[in-house]
Amino acid sequence: MEDIKQEALCPHCVSQNEADQTEAEGGCAACTGRTKERSEKEKKDLYNRLSRIEGQIRGIKRMIEEDSYCIDVLRQSTAASAALNSFNKVILARHIRTCVTENVRNGNDEVIDELVDTIQKLMR
């Protein structure tokens, strides 16, 4: 894959890593038109989880700034990683129960291949 300059990135993609990922998947949701309607409660719950994870990451950055002991940093990093994995499990379960189920009922079996591919990526 050739290098993409920052200004050439999709305006919805905020980093090179995200651009690489969305390019491999055909673009970001804003570009592909694929969306998922969520209730206000679901959005709030997901947003709260992400805010906690964001706080954990800020705490890890602060630990680095303060020259914290490596093992202490690793423990916090592991906790943040576990929290993000938990977030992914929630999203995946809801995706299977809603998007995948609806698509299969409508005869779109391609969603199964997409799901398998996604699960394989999550297990790396």
N, C-alpha and C. Protein backbone atom coordinates (compact mmCIF):
# COMPACT_ATOMS: atom_id res chain seq x y z
N MET A 1 0.84 -1.18 0.00
CA MET A 1 0.00 0.00 0.00
C MET A 1 0.88 1.23 0.00
N GLU A 2 0.56 2.17 -0.85
CA GLU A 2 1.38 3.37 -0.91
C GLU A 2 1.02 4.32 0.22
N ASP A 3 1.96 5.17 0.57
CA ASP A 3 1.74 6.12 1.64
C ASP A 3 0.66 7.12 1.25
N ILE A 4 -0.19 7.43 2.22
CA ILE A 4 -1.24 8.41 2.00
C ILE A 4 -0.89 9.64 2.82
N LYS A 5 -0.89 10.80 2.19
CA LYS A 5 -0.59 12.03 2.91
C LYS A 5 -1.77 12.39 3.79
N GLN A 6 -1.50 13.02 4.93
CA GLN A 6 -2.54 13.36 5.88
C GLN A 6 -3.68 14.15 5.23
N GLU A 7 -3.35 15.11 4.37
CA GLU A 7 -4.41 15.91 3.78
C GLU A 7 -5.22 15.13 2.76
N ALA A 8 -4.73 13.97 2.30
CA ALA A 8 -5.47 13.16 1.35
C ALA A 8 -6.39 12.16 2.03
N LEU A 9 -6.32 12.09 3.36
CA LEU A 9 -7.16 11.15 4.09
C LEU A 9 -8.62 11.57 4.02
N CYS A 10 -9.46 10.59 4.19
CA CYS A 10 -10.89 10.86 4.32
C CYS A 10 -11.07 11.85 5.47
N PRO A 11 -11.90 12.87 5.32
CA PRO A 11 -12.06 13.84 6.41
C PRO A 11 -12.66 13.22 7.66
N HIS A 12 -13.25 12.05 7.53
CA HIS A 12 -13.82 11.38 8.68
C HIS A 12 -12.79 10.54 9.43
N CYS A 13 -11.68 10.23 8.77
CA CYS A 13 -10.63 9.41 9.37
C CYS A 13 -9.62 10.34 10.04
N VAL A 14 -9.28 10.07 11.28
CA VAL A 14 -8.48 11.01 12.04
C VAL A 14 -7.01 10.64 12.13
N SER A 15 -6.63 9.46 11.67
CA SER A 15 -5.22 9.09 11.76
C SER A 15 -4.85 8.17 10.61
N GLN A 16 -3.56 8.01 10.39
CA GLN A 16 -3.08 7.13 9.34
C GLN A 16 -3.51 5.69 9.61
N ASN A 17 -3.42 5.24 10.87
CA ASN A 17 -3.82 3.89 11.20
C ASN A 17 -5.29 3.66 10.89
N GLU A 18 -6.13 4.63 11.25
CA GLU A 18 -7.55 4.50 10.97
C GLU A 18 -7.79 4.52 9.47
N ALA A 19 -7.06 5.35 8.75
CA ALA A 19 -7.21 5.41 7.29
C ALA A 19 -6.81 4.07 6.67
N ASP A 20 -5.72 3.47 7.15
CA ASP A 20 -5.30 2.17 6.66
C ASP A 20 -6.39 1.14 6.90
N GLN A 21 -6.97 1.15 8.10
CA GLN A 21 -8.00 0.18 8.45
C GLN A 21 -9.25 0.40 7.61
N THR A 22 -9.71 1.64 7.51
CA THR A 22 -10.93 1.89 6.76
C THR A 22 -10.74 1.66 5.27
N GLU A 23 -9.52 1.90 4.77
CA GLU A 23 -9.26 1.63 3.35
C GLU A 23 -9.37 0.14 3.09
N ALA A 24 -8.86 -0.68 4.01
CA ALA A 24 -8.93 -2.13 3.86
C ALA A 24 -10.37 -2.61 3.91
N GLU A 25 -11.23 -1.86 4.60
CA GLU A 25 -12.63 -2.26 4.75
C GLU A 25 -13.54 -1.53 3.77
N GLY A 26 -13.00 -0.71 2.89
CA GLY A 26 -13.81 -0.03 1.90
C GLY A 26 -14.24 1.37 2.28
N GLY A 27 -13.69 1.93 3.31
CA GLY A 27 -14.03 3.30 3.70
C GLY A 27 -14.71 3.35 5.05
N CYS A 28 -14.79 4.55 5.58
CA CYS A 28 -15.43 4.72 6.89
C CYS A 28 -16.94 4.75 6.72
N ALA A 29 -17.67 4.64 7.83
CA ALA A 29 -19.13 4.60 7.78
C ALA A 29 -19.71 5.84 7.11
N ALA A 30 -19.10 6.98 7.35
CA ALA A 30 -19.61 8.21 6.74
C ALA A 30 -19.48 8.17 5.22
N CYS A 31 -18.46 7.47 4.73
CA CYS A 31 -18.25 7.40 3.28
C CYS A 31 -19.05 6.27 2.63
N THR A 32 -19.19 5.15 3.33
CA THR A 32 -19.88 3.99 2.74
C THR A 32 -21.38 4.08 2.87
N GLY A 33 -21.87 4.92 3.78
CA GLY A 33 -23.30 5.04 3.97
C GLY A 33 -23.86 3.96 4.89
N ARG A 34 -23.01 3.08 5.39
CA ARG A 34 -23.47 2.03 6.30
C ARG A 34 -23.52 2.60 7.70
N THR A 35 -24.67 2.52 8.29
CA THR A 35 -24.85 3.05 9.64
C THR A 35 -25.60 2.05 10.49
N LYS A 36 -25.67 2.32 11.76
CA LYS A 36 -26.40 1.50 12.72
C LYS A 36 -27.14 2.43 13.65
N GLU A 37 -28.46 2.38 13.62
CA GLU A 37 -29.25 3.19 14.54
C GLU A 37 -29.16 2.59 15.94
N ARG A 38 -28.91 3.44 16.90
CA ARG A 38 -28.81 3.03 18.30
C ARG A 38 -29.74 3.89 19.14
N SER A 39 -30.29 3.28 20.17
CA SER A 39 -31.14 4.05 21.08
C SER A 39 -30.27 5.03 21.85
N GLU A 40 -30.90 6.02 22.42
CA GLU A 40 -30.16 7.00 23.23
C GLU A 40 -29.48 6.32 24.41
N LYS A 41 -30.15 5.34 25.02
CA LYS A 41 -29.55 4.62 26.15
C LYS A 41 -28.31 3.85 25.70
N GLU A 42 -28.41 3.17 24.56
CA GLU A 42 -27.26 2.42 24.05
C GLU A 42 -26.10 3.36 23.75
N LYS A 43 -26.38 4.48 23.09
CA LYS A 43 -25.33 5.46 22.80
C LYS A 43 -24.69 5.96 24.08
N LYS A 44 -25.52 6.27 25.07
CA LYS A 44 -24.99 6.78 26.34
C LYS A 44 -24.10 5.74 27.01
N ASP A 45 -24.56 4.48 27.04
CA ASP A 45 -23.76 3.42 27.65
C ASP A 45 -22.42 3.24 26.94
N LEU A 46 -22.44 3.22 25.61
CA LEU A 46 -21.20 3.05 24.85
C LEU A 46 -20.28 4.25 25.05
N TYR A 47 -20.87 5.44 25.02
CA TYR A 47 -20.10 6.66 25.22
C TYR A 47 -19.44 6.66 26.60
N ASN A 48 -20.18 6.24 27.62
CA ASN A 48 -19.61 6.18 28.97
C ASN A 48 -18.45 5.20 29.06
N ARG A 49 -18.60 4.05 28.42
CA ARG A 49 -17.50 3.07 28.40
C ARG A 49 -16.26 3.68 27.75
N LEU A 50 -16.47 4.33 26.60
CA LEU A 50 -15.33 4.92 25.90
C LEU A 50 -14.71 6.06 26.70
N SER A 51 -15.51 6.81 27.41
CA SER A 51 -14.97 7.89 28.24
C SER A 51 -14.10 7.33 29.35
N ARG A 52 -14.51 6.22 29.95
CA ARG A 52 -13.68 5.58 30.98
C ARG A 52 -12.37 5.10 30.39
N ILE A 53 -12.43 4.48 29.21
CA ILE A 53 -11.22 4.00 28.55
C ILE A 53 -10.31 5.18 28.22
N GLU A 54 -10.90 6.25 27.72
CA GLU A 54 -10.13 7.46 27.41
C GLU A 54 -9.44 7.98 28.66
N GLY A 55 -10.13 7.95 29.79
CA GLY A 55 -9.54 8.37 31.05
C GLY A 55 -8.38 7.47 31.46
N GLN A 56 -8.54 6.16 31.22
CA GLN A 56 -7.44 5.24 31.52
C GLN A 56 -6.22 5.56 30.67
N ILE A 57 -6.43 5.84 29.41
CA ILE A 57 -5.31 6.16 28.51
C ILE A 57 -4.62 7.45 28.96
N ARG A 58 -5.42 8.45 29.32
CA ARG A 58 -4.82 9.70 29.83
C ARG A 58 -4.00 9.42 31.10
N GLY A 59 -4.50 8.54 31.93
CA GLY A 59 -3.77 8.17 33.14
C GLY A 59 -2.44 7.50 32.81
N ILE A 60 -2.43 6.64 31.80
CA ILE A 60 -1.20 5.97 31.38
C ILE A 60 -0.21 7.00 30.84
N LYS A 61 -0.70 7.95 30.05
CA LYS A 61 0.18 9.01 29.54
C LYS A 61 0.78 9.80 30.70
N ARG A 62 -0.04 10.08 31.69
CA ARG A 62 0.45 10.82 32.86
C ARG A 62 1.51 9.99 33.60
N MET A 63 1.30 8.69 33.68
CA MET A 63 2.29 7.81 34.33
C MET A 63 3.62 7.88 33.61
N ILE A 64 3.59 7.92 32.29
CA ILE A 64 4.83 8.01 31.51
C ILE A 64 5.51 9.34 31.79
N GLU A 65 4.72 10.42 31.80
CA GLU A 65 5.28 11.74 32.09
C GLU A 65 5.93 11.78 33.47
N GLU A 66 5.36 11.04 34.41
CA GLU A 66 5.85 11.05 35.79
C GLU A 66 6.88 9.96 36.06
N ASP A 67 7.36 9.31 35.00
CA ASP A 67 8.37 8.25 35.11
C ASP A 67 7.95 7.13 36.05
N SER A 68 6.70 6.70 35.95
CA SER A 68 6.21 5.61 36.79
C SER A 68 6.93 4.31 36.45
N TYR A 69 6.94 3.43 37.41
CA TYR A 69 7.58 2.12 37.28
C TYR A 69 6.92 1.33 36.15
N CYS A 70 7.73 0.64 35.34
CA CYS A 70 7.27 -0.06 34.15
C CYS A 70 6.11 -1.01 34.43
N ILE A 71 6.23 -1.81 35.48
CA ILE A 71 5.19 -2.79 35.80
C ILE A 71 3.87 -2.10 36.12
N ASP A 72 3.93 -0.96 36.79
CA ASP A 72 2.71 -0.21 37.09
C ASP A 72 2.06 0.31 35.80
N VAL A 73 2.87 0.77 34.87
CA VAL A 73 2.35 1.23 33.58
C VAL A 73 1.73 0.05 32.82
N LEU A 74 2.42 -1.07 32.82
CA LEU A 74 1.90 -2.26 32.13
C LEU A 74 0.58 -2.72 32.72
N ARG A 75 0.44 -2.66 34.02
CA ARG A 75 -0.82 -3.05 34.66
C ARG A 75 -1.96 -2.16 34.20
N GLN A 76 -1.70 -0.86 34.16
CA GLN A 76 -2.74 0.07 33.71
C GLN A 76 -3.05 -0.12 32.22
N SER A 77 -2.03 -0.37 31.44
CA SER A 77 -2.22 -0.61 30.02
C SER A 77 -3.05 -1.88 29.79
N THR A 78 -2.76 -2.90 30.56
CA THR A 78 -3.52 -4.15 30.46
C THR A 78 -4.98 -3.93 30.84
N ALA A 79 -5.22 -3.12 31.86
CA ALA A 79 -6.59 -2.81 32.27
C ALA A 79 -7.33 -2.05 31.17
N ALA A 80 -6.67 -1.10 30.53
CA ALA A 80 -7.28 -0.34 29.44
C ALA A 80 -7.57 -1.26 28.25
N SER A 81 -6.65 -2.15 27.95
CA SER A 81 -6.84 -3.10 26.86
C SER A 81 -8.03 -4.02 27.14
N ALA A 82 -8.14 -4.48 28.38
CA ALA A 82 -9.27 -5.34 28.77
C ALA A 82 -10.58 -4.58 28.65
N ALA A 83 -10.58 -3.32 29.03
CA ALA A 83 -11.79 -2.50 28.92
C ALA A 83 -12.19 -2.32 27.46
N LEU A 84 -11.23 -2.11 26.59
CA LEU A 84 -11.52 -1.97 25.16
C LEU A 84 -12.01 -3.29 24.58
N ASN A 85 -11.43 -4.40 25.01
CA ASN A 85 -11.91 -5.71 24.57
C ASN A 85 -13.35 -5.94 25.01
N SER A 86 -13.67 -5.52 26.21
CA SER A 86 -15.04 -5.64 26.71
C SER A 86 -15.99 -4.80 25.87
N PHE A 87 -15.57 -3.60 25.52
CA PHE A 87 -16.35 -2.73 24.64
C PHE A 87 -16.60 -3.45 23.30
N ASN A 88 -15.55 -4.03 22.74
CA ASN A 88 -15.67 -4.73 21.46
C ASN A 88 -16.66 -5.89 21.56
N LYS A 89 -16.66 -6.61 22.67
CA LYS A 89 -17.59 -7.73 22.85
C LYS A 89 -19.03 -7.24 22.86
N VAL A 90 -19.28 -6.11 23.50
CA VAL A 90 -20.63 -5.54 23.53
C VAL A 90 -21.06 -5.17 22.12
N ILE A 91 -20.20 -4.47 21.39
CA ILE A 91 -20.52 -4.06 20.02
C ILE A 91 -20.76 -5.29 19.14
N LEU A 92 -19.89 -6.28 19.25
CA LEU A 92 -20.01 -7.49 18.44
C LEU A 92 -21.31 -8.23 18.73
N ALA A 93 -21.64 -8.39 19.99
CA ALA A 93 -22.87 -9.10 20.36
C ALA A 93 -24.09 -8.37 19.81
N ARG A 94 -24.11 -7.07 19.95
CA ARG A 94 -25.25 -6.29 19.43
C ARG A 94 -25.31 -6.36 17.91
N HIS A 95 -24.14 -6.36 17.27
CA HIS A 95 -24.08 -6.47 15.81
C HIS A 95 -24.68 -7.80 15.36
N ILE A 96 -24.32 -8.87 16.02
CA ILE A 96 -24.84 -10.19 15.65
C ILE A 96 -26.35 -10.24 15.85
N ARG A 97 -26.81 -9.72 16.98
CA ARG A 97 -28.24 -9.78 17.30
C ARG A 97 -29.10 -8.89 16.40
N THR A 98 -28.50 -7.87 15.83
CA THR A 98 -29.31 -6.93 15.04
C THR A 98 -28.91 -6.97 13.57
N CYS A 99 -27.78 -6.42 13.23
CA CYS A 99 -27.36 -6.27 11.83
C CYS A 99 -27.24 -7.61 11.11
N VAL A 100 -26.54 -8.55 11.72
CA VAL A 100 -26.32 -9.84 11.06
C VAL A 100 -27.65 -10.58 10.91
N THR A 101 -28.41 -10.63 11.99
CA THR A 101 -29.69 -11.33 11.94
C THR A 101 -30.60 -10.75 10.87
N GLU A 102 -30.71 -9.44 10.83
CA GLU A 102 -31.56 -8.78 9.83
C GLU A 102 -31.08 -9.06 8.41
N ASN A 103 -29.77 -8.97 8.19
CA ASN A 103 -29.23 -9.20 6.85
C ASN A 103 -29.46 -10.64 6.40
N VAL A 104 -29.25 -11.60 7.28
CA VAL A 104 -29.46 -13.01 6.92
C VAL A 104 -30.93 -13.25 6.60
N ARG A 105 -31.82 -12.69 7.42
CA ARG A 105 -33.26 -12.84 7.15
C ARG A 105 -33.65 -12.24 5.79
N ASN A 106 -32.93 -11.21 5.38
CA ASN A 106 -33.21 -10.56 4.09
C ASN A 106 -32.44 -11.19 2.93
N GLY A 107 -31.74 -12.30 3.20
CA GLY A 107 -31.05 -13.02 2.14
C GLY A 107 -29.64 -12.54 1.85
N ASN A 108 -29.11 -11.64 2.65
CA ASN A 108 -27.75 -11.15 2.45
C ASN A 108 -26.78 -11.97 3.29
N ASP A 109 -26.33 -13.09 2.74
CA ASP A 109 -25.41 -13.97 3.46
C ASP A 109 -23.98 -13.48 3.46
N GLU A 110 -23.68 -12.44 2.66
CA GLU A 110 -22.33 -11.88 2.65
C GLU A 110 -21.93 -11.34 4.01
N VAL A 111 -22.92 -10.97 4.80
CA VAL A 111 -22.67 -10.43 6.13
C VAL A 111 -21.99 -11.48 7.02
N ILE A 112 -22.19 -12.76 6.72
CA ILE A 112 -21.53 -13.83 7.49
C ILE A 112 -20.03 -13.80 7.24
N ASP A 113 -19.64 -13.64 5.98
CA ASP A 113 -18.21 -13.55 5.66
C ASP A 113 -17.58 -12.34 6.34
N GLU A 114 -18.29 -11.22 6.33
CA GLU A 114 -17.81 -10.01 6.99
C GLU A 114 -17.63 -10.25 8.50
N LEU A 115 -18.60 -10.95 9.09
CA LEU A 115 -18.53 -11.26 10.52
C LEU A 115 -17.35 -12.16 10.84
N VAL A 116 -17.16 -13.21 10.05
CA VAL A 116 -16.04 -14.12 10.26
C VAL A 116 -14.72 -13.38 10.16
N ASP A 117 -14.59 -12.53 9.14
CA ASP A 117 -13.37 -11.73 8.95
C ASP A 117 -13.13 -10.82 10.16
N THR A 118 -14.18 -10.20 10.63
CA THR A 118 -14.07 -9.29 11.78
C THR A 118 -13.64 -10.05 13.03
N ILE A 119 -14.25 -11.20 13.27
CA ILE A 119 -13.89 -12.01 14.45
C ILE A 119 -12.43 -12.43 14.37
N GLN A 120 -11.98 -12.82 13.18
CA GLN A 120 -10.57 -13.20 13.02
C GLN A 120 -9.64 -12.04 13.34
N LYS A 121 -10.01 -10.83 12.93
CA LYS A 121 -9.19 -9.66 13.24
C LYS A 121 -9.20 -9.37 14.74
N LEU A 122 -10.33 -9.54 15.37
CA LEU A 122 -10.42 -9.29 16.82
C LEU A 122 -9.59 -10.28 17.61
N MET A 123 -9.37 -11.46 17.07
CA MET A 123 -8.65 -12.50 17.80
C MET A 123 -7.15 -12.45 17.60
N ARG A 124 -6.66 -11.51 16.83
CA ARG A 124 -5.21 -11.40 16.60
C ARG A 124 -4.50 -11.02 17.86
